[in-house]
Amino acid sequence: MPKVTFLPANVTFDFESGELPYSDHGQRESVLDVALNNNFHLEHACGGVCACTTCHVVVKSGDENLSPMEDDEADRLDMAADLTLHSRLGCQAVVKGDVVLEIPAWNRNYVSEDGGSILGDAIPKPKK
């Protein structure tokens, strides 16, 4: 059962290959698809069609457990901020095994709509 860990939130989701409901955002069983199926927020301004870089993640471990990078993804990543040798687009990287991913600091949406934070108490909830 593949596992995807998102940092800095340090949350892990697992799923059974072929059993994950598909919501038409990114490739089936992509990092984005796993995130959305587990109600984890990963930016995806273009809807997961490889037209932006908002779902940019950095693979900390498990590169070999993601699908190979296609030319469209590589071309799009050239425009990403803080590009690394381990950068991937969450909408295109299909999960085949365990991976640990970091959401770059510039792209973290720390505060959710309910006022909670993926950093716990590090960012106080807004006063109503």
Protein backbone atom coordinates (compact mmCIF):
# COMPACT_ATOMS: atom_id res chain seq x y z
CA MET A 1 0.00 0.00 0.00
CA PRO A 2 1.76 3.24 -1.14
CA LYS A 3 2.24 5.99 1.46
CA VAL A 4 2.61 9.71 0.78
CA THR A 5 4.01 11.97 3.51
CA PHE A 6 3.66 15.74 3.20
CA LEU A 7 6.13 18.02 5.01
CA PRO A 8 6.17 20.30 6.92
CA ALA A 9 2.70 19.17 8.02
CA ASN A 10 4.16 15.70 8.68
CA VAL A 11 0.96 13.92 7.66
CA THR A 12 0.94 10.58 5.89
CA PHE A 13 -1.77 9.07 3.72
CA ASP A 14 -1.85 5.57 2.31
CA PHE A 15 -4.08 4.11 -0.36
CA GLU A 16 -4.64 0.88 -2.21
CA SER A 17 -3.50 1.13 -5.83
CA GLY A 18 -6.43 1.04 -8.21
CA GLU A 19 -8.94 1.84 -5.45
CA LEU A 20 -8.48 5.61 -5.03
CA PRO A 21 -11.54 7.56 -6.24
CA TYR A 22 -10.56 9.89 -9.09
CA SER A 23 -11.66 13.53 -9.07
CA ASP A 24 -10.27 14.72 -12.45
CA HIS A 25 -7.48 16.78 -10.86
CA GLY A 26 -4.11 15.73 -12.23
CA GLN A 27 -3.13 12.23 -13.23
CA ARG A 28 -4.95 9.31 -11.60
CA GLU A 29 -3.17 8.43 -8.31
CA SER A 30 -0.89 11.47 -8.63
CA VAL A 31 0.39 13.31 -5.56
CA LEU A 32 -2.41 15.85 -6.10
CA ASP A 33 -5.03 13.11 -6.43
CA VAL A 34 -3.85 11.51 -3.17
CA ALA A 35 -3.90 14.89 -1.40
CA LEU A 36 -7.41 15.79 -2.58
CA ASN A 37 -8.80 12.36 -1.74
CA ASN A 38 -7.58 12.86 1.83
CA ASN A 39 -8.82 16.44 2.18
CA PHE A 40 -5.23 17.73 2.31
CA HIS A 41 -4.75 21.11 0.70
CA LEU A 42 -2.21 21.24 -2.12
CA GLU A 43 -2.46 24.31 -4.34
CA HIS A 44 -3.50 23.54 -7.92
CA ALA A 45 -4.56 26.74 -9.64
CA CYS A 46 -4.88 25.18 -13.10
CA GLY A 47 -7.02 22.27 -11.91
CA GLY A 48 -4.18 19.79 -12.32
CA VAL A 49 -3.68 20.01 -16.09
CA CYS A 50 0.05 20.85 -16.02
CA ALA A 51 -0.53 24.50 -16.94
CA CYS A 52 1.02 26.13 -13.84
CA THR A 53 3.46 25.29 -11.04
CA THR A 54 1.33 25.81 -7.94
CA CYS A 55 1.38 22.09 -7.06
CA HIS A 56 5.20 22.06 -7.05
CA VAL A 57 6.62 19.67 -4.45
CA VAL A 58 10.16 18.61 -3.59
CA VAL A 59 10.77 14.88 -3.22
CA LYS A 60 12.73 14.24 -0.02
CA SER A 61 12.73 10.46 -0.47
CA GLY A 62 11.16 7.97 -2.82
CA ASP A 63 12.00 9.49 -6.23
CA GLU A 64 12.04 5.96 -7.62
CA ASN A 65 8.44 5.46 -6.42
CA LEU A 66 7.03 8.16 -8.71
CA SER A 67 6.25 7.90 -12.40
CA PRO A 68 8.98 9.12 -14.75
CA MET A 69 8.82 12.82 -15.59
CA GLU A 70 7.28 13.55 -19.00
CA ASP A 71 8.48 16.42 -21.22
CA ASP A 72 5.39 18.59 -20.47
CA GLU A 73 6.08 18.43 -16.74
CA ALA A 74 9.80 19.16 -17.21
CA ASP A 75 9.01 22.17 -19.42
CA ARG A 76 6.51 23.53 -16.92
CA LEU A 77 8.85 22.97 -13.95
CA ASP A 78 11.44 25.20 -15.63
CA MET A 79 9.18 28.09 -14.58
CA ALA A 80 8.80 27.01 -10.92
CA ALA A 81 10.22 29.08 -8.09
CA ASP A 82 12.95 27.36 -6.04
CA LEU A 83 13.38 24.58 -8.59
CA THR A 84 15.54 21.68 -7.36
CA LEU A 85 16.80 18.45 -8.90
CA HIS A 86 14.04 16.73 -6.90
CA SER A 87 11.16 19.03 -7.90
CA ARG A 88 7.97 17.52 -9.30
CA LEU A 89 4.49 18.75 -10.11
CA GLY A 90 2.00 17.09 -7.81
CA CYS A 91 -0.56 16.84 -10.61
CA GLN A 92 1.78 14.82 -12.83
CA ALA A 93 3.82 12.66 -10.41
CA VAL A 94 1.96 9.35 -10.10
CA VAL A 95 2.61 7.52 -6.82
CA LYS A 96 3.83 3.93 -7.19
CA GLY A 97 5.27 3.44 -3.66
CA ASP A 98 6.25 5.34 -0.51
CA VAL A 99 7.31 8.97 -0.96
CA VAL A 100 8.10 11.88 1.33
CA LEU A 101 7.40 15.31 -0.17
CA GLU A 102 7.96 18.84 1.00
CA ILE A 103 5.71 21.69 -0.06
CA PRO A 104 8.04 24.65 -0.73
CA ALA A 105 7.73 27.49 1.79
CA TRP A 106 6.60 30.01 -0.85
CA ASN A 107 3.66 27.76 -1.76
CA ARG A 108 2.25 26.78 1.61
CA ASN A 109 -1.28 27.84 2.36
CA TYR A 110 -0.85 27.65 6.13
CA VAL A 111 -4.29 28.85 7.16
CA SER A 112 -7.31 26.89 6.04
CA GLU A 113 -10.80 28.31 5.60
CA ASP A 114 -11.81 27.26 9.11
CA GLY A 115 -8.91 29.27 10.54
CA GLY A 116 -6.83 26.22 11.47
CA SER A 117 -3.18 25.95 10.56
CA ILE A 118 -1.12 23.06 9.25
CA LEU A 119 1.55 24.31 11.64
CA GLY A 120 -0.63 23.79 14.70
CA ASP A 121 -0.26 26.69 17.14
CA ALA A 122 2.65 28.31 15.29
CA ILE A 123 0.18 30.55 13.47
CA PRO A 124 -2.69 31.77 15.62
CA LYS A 125 -6.25 31.45 14.37
CA PRO A 126 -7.71 34.74 13.10
CA LYS A 127 -10.06 36.47 15.48
CA LYS A 128 -13.68 36.62 14.33
